[in-house]
Protein backbone atom coordinates (compact mmCIF):
# COMPACT_ATOMS: atom_id res chain seq x y z
CA MET A 1 97.64 130.20 68.09
CA LEU A 2 98.24 127.38 65.64
CA LEU A 3 101.80 126.59 64.59
CA ASP A 4 103.30 124.43 61.87
CA ALA A 5 106.62 124.56 60.06
CA ASN A 6 105.03 123.72 56.70
CA ARG A 7 103.60 126.70 54.79
CA ARG A 8 101.17 124.53 52.80
CA ARG A 9 99.60 123.29 56.05
CA THR A 10 99.42 126.75 57.61
CA LYS A 11 97.73 128.12 54.47
CA PHE A 12 95.09 125.42 54.91
CA LEU A 13 94.72 126.32 58.60
CA GLU A 14 94.38 130.02 57.76
CA SER A 15 91.58 129.34 55.28
CA THR A 16 89.83 126.99 57.71
CA VAL A 17 90.08 129.48 60.60
CA ALA A 18 88.74 132.26 58.39
CA ALA A 19 85.67 130.15 57.50
CA LEU A 20 84.78 129.13 61.07
CA PRO A 21 82.81 131.16 63.58
CA ARG A 22 84.81 131.58 66.79
CA ALA A 23 84.65 133.28 70.16
CA GLY A 24 88.11 134.83 70.04
CA PRO A 25 91.06 135.55 67.79
CA VAL A 26 93.05 132.66 66.34
CA SER A 27 96.54 133.19 64.93
CA VAL A 28 98.28 130.85 62.54
CA LEU A 29 102.07 130.94 62.36
CA THR A 30 104.47 129.26 60.00
CA GLY A 31 107.74 128.46 61.71
CA ARG A 32 109.78 126.03 63.73
CA ALA A 33 108.93 125.60 67.40
CA GLU A 34 112.66 125.45 68.16
CA GLU A 35 112.97 129.06 66.95
CA LEU A 36 109.62 130.56 67.92
CA ALA A 37 109.87 129.36 71.54
CA HIS A 38 112.85 131.69 72.01
CA GLY A 39 111.16 134.89 70.85
CA SER A 40 108.15 136.85 72.02
CA LEU A 41 106.13 133.63 72.42
CA ARG A 42 108.43 132.23 75.10
CA GLU A 43 106.56 131.23 78.28
CA GLN A 44 103.40 133.01 77.04
CA PHE A 45 100.83 130.22 77.05
CA ASP A 46 98.70 128.66 79.77
CA TYR A 47 97.90 125.66 77.59
CA VAL A 48 99.74 124.02 74.71
CA THR A 49 98.47 121.01 72.83
CA ALA A 50 100.31 118.92 70.26
CA ARG A 51 99.62 115.92 68.18
CA SER A 52 102.56 113.64 68.72
CA PHE A 53 104.42 115.07 65.72
CA ALA A 54 107.72 113.54 66.78
CA PRO A 55 109.05 111.15 69.41
CA PRO A 56 108.04 112.07 72.98
CA ALA A 57 111.31 113.80 73.92
CA VAL A 58 111.13 116.05 70.86
CA THR A 59 107.46 116.92 71.37
CA ALA A 60 108.00 117.75 75.06
CA GLU A 61 111.13 119.82 74.37
CA CYS A 62 109.45 121.84 71.62
CA GLY A 63 106.39 122.52 73.77
CA ALA A 64 108.21 123.37 77.02
CA GLY A 65 109.51 126.75 75.89
CA PHE A 66 106.00 128.06 75.18
CA LEU A 67 104.59 127.18 78.62
CA ALA A 68 104.16 129.72 81.40
CA CYS A 69 104.89 128.46 84.92
CA GLY A 70 101.96 126.27 86.04
CA ALA A 71 100.77 125.86 82.43
CA LEU A 72 99.60 122.61 80.88
CA LEU A 73 100.84 120.60 77.90
CA SER A 74 98.62 117.91 76.35
CA VAL A 75 99.95 115.51 73.74
CA ALA A 76 97.95 113.09 71.60
CA ASP A 77 99.71 109.80 72.19
CA PRO A 78 99.37 106.37 70.59
CA PRO A 79 97.57 103.82 72.75
CA GLY A 80 99.66 101.72 75.14
CA GLY A 81 103.20 102.15 76.45
CA LYS A 82 102.21 105.18 78.48
CA THR A 83 104.73 105.79 81.23
CA ALA A 84 107.65 104.31 79.32
CA ARG A 85 107.22 107.06 76.72
CA TRP A 86 107.43 109.86 79.29
CA PRO A 87 110.14 109.11 81.87
CA GLU A 88 110.14 111.31 84.97
CA GLN A 89 113.87 112.04 84.70
CA GLY A 90 113.58 113.24 81.10
CA LEU A 91 110.51 115.38 81.82
CA SER A 92 112.15 116.99 84.86
CA ARG A 93 114.98 118.25 82.60
CA LEU A 94 112.25 120.26 80.83
CA GLY A 95 110.53 121.48 84.00
CA LEU A 96 107.57 119.17 83.30
CA THR A 97 105.62 116.78 85.51
CA LEU A 98 103.35 114.08 84.12
CA LEU A 99 99.80 114.58 85.41
CA GLY A 100 98.23 111.53 83.78
CA TYR A 101 96.32 110.20 80.80
CA VAL A 102 92.85 110.53 79.37
CA ASP A 103 91.58 107.84 77.02
CA ALA A 104 88.87 109.24 74.77
CA GLY A 105 89.27 107.40 71.49
CA ALA A 106 92.88 108.56 71.54
CA THR A 107 95.24 108.71 74.48
CA ILE A 108 96.07 112.19 75.73
CA ALA A 109 99.10 112.60 77.99
CA SER A 110 98.94 115.70 80.21
CA PHE A 111 101.84 117.55 81.81
CA CYS A 112 102.30 120.63 83.97
CA ARG A 113 105.25 122.98 83.91
CA THR A 114 106.31 122.88 87.53
CA ALA A 115 109.88 124.16 87.34
CA PRO A 116 111.91 126.69 85.35
CA VAL A 117 112.80 125.77 81.78
CA ASP A 118 116.44 126.05 80.79
CA PRO A 119 116.73 129.12 78.51
CA ARG A 120 118.47 126.93 75.92
CA VAL A 121 115.32 124.76 75.58
CA PRO A 122 114.31 123.98 72.97
CA ARG A 123 117.68 123.50 71.42
CA GLY A 124 118.36 124.66 67.84
CA VAL A 125 116.39 123.58 64.77
CA GLY A 126 116.67 119.85 64.23
CA ILE A 127 118.79 119.15 67.31
CA PRO A 128 115.97 117.74 69.48
CA GLN A 129 115.22 115.24 66.70
CA LYS A 130 118.87 114.35 66.08
CA ARG A 131 119.84 114.15 69.76
CA PRO A 132 116.69 113.58 71.84
CA LEU A 133 116.91 114.04 75.61
CA TRP A 134 115.61 110.47 76.00
CA THR A 135 114.59 107.59 73.79
CA VAL A 136 111.72 105.16 74.06
CA ARG A 137 112.63 101.53 73.77
CA PRO A 138 109.90 99.12 72.73
CA GLY A 139 108.99 96.46 75.23
CA PRO A 140 106.45 95.50 77.85
CA GLU A 141 105.10 98.20 80.16
């Protein structure tokens, strides 16, 4: 499943998916993760990947609701500043544990859902962005 809140982008994804050969079905949804993670998609996925579309706390909160117990979340992350971006205390509030990083041209941060996710997570549309669970302060690692 591919998800984006912007209809123009999902139309592009739909046309791209339709033109590519693939081994299995691929769905494209237009909607907000904050809403869709509370419906039939809640805790349904073994693997979720995200480009870092927002600050770390927002990305992690939006992804957490989709993850089944033991599932993995991978986030494309800018180089440098690794652990400061993903504090253990903030991740634990989302039932996530940092597994580590892979550097392959881009940095990929990997997490596992190791604990239950609060049923209120993610919070309502726009709230994770307005009131993130943690903030990243620039500075040395």
